[in-house]
Amino acid sequence: MNTRTRTDSRRGRTITREAERVARRERFRLVLARADRGGLAPEDSAQLRADVEAEVAEADNHRRSAGGQQAAAMRLHNRIDAAEQCITETEADRDAHAERLATAAKLAGALGDYLPGDGWHLAETIRRLCEGEITPEQALDDTAH
């Protein structure tokens, strides 16, 4: 069985960083215990400084990364909100056009019921309806005989 830690994979790098962090914290505890007893050696001071600087650098790196991730998440959230608003507006437009189209189809089907001279009026009403100049209700009122 291979117990070697793979450092070329993300999981392996994570495990390695975690092991380094645990070792630094154990050294902190040891040096702090020596400091409590009043017996810090010069090499303990150097090790303490190195470990503290490593912890501070790692914390700063994680803080920057978290800030960037929060900003990216906020941008994505704003894009989703804009997309949902666009979908709502598009659905409203679709519904309005569907009503106009249904009325235009109803009027176009009624062309055979009108006298030949009235066809132009009905066609003009359908055009105005389709271009949004009048509402479906106005078109039906305009063509009622």
Protein backbone atom coordinates (compact mmCIF):
# COMPACT_ATOMS: atom_id res chain seq x y z
CA MET A 1 0.00 0.00 0.00
CA ASN A 2 1.30 3.41 -0.96
CA THR A 3 1.16 5.90 1.94
CA ARG A 4 2.92 8.70 0.06
CA THR A 5 0.94 11.95 -0.13
CA ARG A 6 0.35 13.11 -3.67
CA THR A 7 1.18 16.79 -3.98
CA ASP A 8 0.30 17.06 -7.66
CA SER A 9 -3.43 16.74 -7.00
CA ARG A 10 -5.70 19.25 -5.33
CA ARG A 11 -6.57 16.81 -2.57
CA GLY A 12 -2.91 16.01 -1.99
CA ARG A 13 -2.00 19.71 -1.74
CA THR A 14 -4.87 20.25 0.69
CA ILE A 15 -3.69 17.37 2.87
CA THR A 16 -0.10 18.69 2.78
CA ARG A 17 -1.20 22.22 3.77
CA GLU A 18 -3.32 20.83 6.59
CA ALA A 19 -0.39 18.75 7.90
CA GLU A 20 1.90 21.81 7.80
CA ARG A 21 -0.72 23.86 9.65
CA VAL A 22 -1.10 21.18 12.35
CA ALA A 23 2.70 21.00 12.77
CA ARG A 24 2.95 24.81 13.11
CA ARG A 25 0.21 24.85 15.72
CA GLU A 26 1.92 22.10 17.69
CA ARG A 27 5.13 24.15 17.62
CA PHE A 28 3.13 27.19 18.81
CA ARG A 29 1.85 25.25 21.76
CA LEU A 30 5.34 23.97 22.60
CA VAL A 31 6.96 27.42 22.36
CA LEU A 32 4.11 29.03 24.32
CA ALA A 33 4.51 26.39 27.04
CA ARG A 34 8.25 27.21 27.21
CA ALA A 35 7.43 30.91 27.34
CA ASP A 36 5.05 30.27 30.25
CA ARG A 37 7.93 28.62 32.12
CA GLY A 38 10.22 31.55 31.22
CA GLY A 39 12.68 29.46 29.24
CA LEU A 40 12.62 30.54 25.60
CA ALA A 41 15.80 29.69 23.72
CA PRO A 42 17.00 31.88 20.81
CA GLU A 43 16.06 29.15 18.32
CA ASP A 44 12.57 29.06 19.84
CA SER A 45 12.17 32.77 19.12
CA ALA A 46 13.25 32.31 15.50
CA GLN A 47 10.89 29.33 15.07
CA LEU A 48 8.04 31.24 16.66
CA ARG A 49 8.59 34.21 14.32
CA ALA A 50 8.70 31.94 11.25
CA ASP A 51 5.54 30.09 12.25
CA VAL A 52 3.64 33.27 13.04
CA GLU A 53 4.64 34.83 9.73
CA ALA A 54 3.54 31.67 7.88
CA GLU A 55 0.17 31.67 9.66
CA VAL A 56 -0.35 35.38 8.95
CA ALA A 57 0.55 34.94 5.26
CA GLU A 58 -1.80 31.97 4.93
CA ALA A 59 -4.63 33.83 6.68
CA ASP A 60 -4.14 36.85 4.41
CA ASN A 61 -4.17 34.61 1.35
CA HIS A 62 -7.40 32.91 2.45
CA ARG A 63 -8.99 36.27 3.27
CA ARG A 64 -8.16 37.61 -0.21
CA SER A 65 -9.47 34.44 -1.80
CA ALA A 66 -12.70 34.59 0.20
CA GLY A 67 -13.19 38.24 -0.74
CA GLY A 68 -12.75 37.43 -4.42
CA GLN A 69 -15.18 34.54 -4.18
CA GLN A 70 -17.76 36.72 -2.46
CA ALA A 71 -17.42 39.37 -5.16
CA ALA A 72 -17.78 36.73 -7.89
CA ALA A 73 -20.84 35.27 -6.16
CA MET A 74 -22.41 38.73 -5.92
CA ARG A 75 -21.78 39.37 -9.63
CA LEU A 76 -23.41 36.04 -10.51
CA HIS A 77 -26.33 36.81 -8.20
CA ASN A 78 -26.85 40.17 -9.94
CA ARG A 79 -26.72 38.48 -13.35
CA ILE A 80 -29.32 35.94 -12.25
CA ASP A 81 -31.59 38.72 -10.96
CA ALA A 82 -31.26 40.56 -14.29
CA ALA A 83 -31.97 37.38 -16.25
CA GLU A 84 -35.07 36.64 -14.17
CA GLN A 85 -36.34 40.19 -14.70
CA CYS A 86 -35.74 39.84 -18.45
CA ILE A 87 -37.64 36.54 -18.50
CA THR A 88 -40.57 38.14 -16.66
CA GLU A 89 -40.68 41.04 -19.14
CA THR A 90 -40.42 38.67 -22.11
CA GLU A 91 -43.26 36.53 -20.80
CA ALA A 92 -45.43 39.63 -20.36
CA ASP A 93 -44.64 40.72 -23.94
CA ARG A 94 -45.41 37.21 -25.17
CA ASP A 95 -48.78 37.22 -23.43
CA ALA A 96 -49.66 40.63 -24.88
CA HIS A 97 -48.69 39.53 -28.39
CA ALA A 98 -50.59 36.24 -28.01
CA GLU A 99 -53.77 38.16 -27.18
CA ARG A 100 -53.27 40.44 -30.19
CA LEU A 101 -52.56 37.48 -32.46
CA ALA A 102 -55.68 35.63 -31.27
CA THR A 103 -57.82 38.71 -31.93
CA ALA A 104 -56.19 39.22 -35.35
CA ALA A 105 -56.88 35.59 -36.24
CA LYS A 106 -60.50 35.99 -35.14
CA LEU A 107 -60.86 39.13 -37.26
CA ALA A 108 -59.12 37.54 -40.23
CA GLY A 109 -61.48 34.59 -40.03
CA ALA A 110 -64.40 37.01 -40.12
CA LEU A 111 -63.33 38.52 -43.47
CA GLY A 112 -65.77 36.28 -45.29
CA ASP A 113 -68.68 37.63 -43.23
CA TYR A 114 -68.12 41.23 -44.40
CA LEU A 115 -69.21 42.91 -47.61
CA PRO A 116 -66.39 43.30 -50.18
CA GLY A 117 -66.08 47.02 -49.50
CA ASP A 118 -65.58 46.47 -45.76
CA GLY A 119 -62.51 44.21 -46.19
CA TRP A 120 -60.09 47.12 -46.36
CA HIS A 121 -61.38 48.45 -43.03
CA LEU A 122 -60.93 45.03 -41.39
CA ALA A 123 -57.43 44.62 -42.86
CA GLU A 124 -56.45 48.08 -41.59
CA THR A 125 -57.81 47.23 -38.14
CA ILE A 126 -55.77 43.99 -38.11
CA ARG A 127 -52.63 45.94 -39.14
CA ARG A 128 -53.14 48.51 -36.38
CA LEU A 129 -53.77 45.72 -33.87
CA CYS A 130 -50.62 43.82 -34.84
CA GLU A 131 -48.48 46.96 -34.63
CA GLY A 132 -49.82 47.74 -31.17
CA GLU A 133 -51.59 50.94 -32.16
CA ILE A 134 -54.88 49.66 -30.71
CA THR A 135 -55.79 47.04 -28.11
CA PRO A 136 -57.63 43.80 -28.89
CA GLU A 137 -60.74 45.25 -27.24
CA GLN A 138 -60.58 48.36 -29.43
CA ALA A 139 -60.14 46.19 -32.53
CA LEU A 140 -63.22 44.11 -31.70
CA ASP A 141 -65.24 47.25 -30.98
CA ASP A 142 -64.01 48.86 -34.21
CA THR A 143 -65.12 45.91 -36.35
CA ALA A 144 -68.43 45.09 -34.65
CA HIS A 145 -71.32 45.28 -37.15
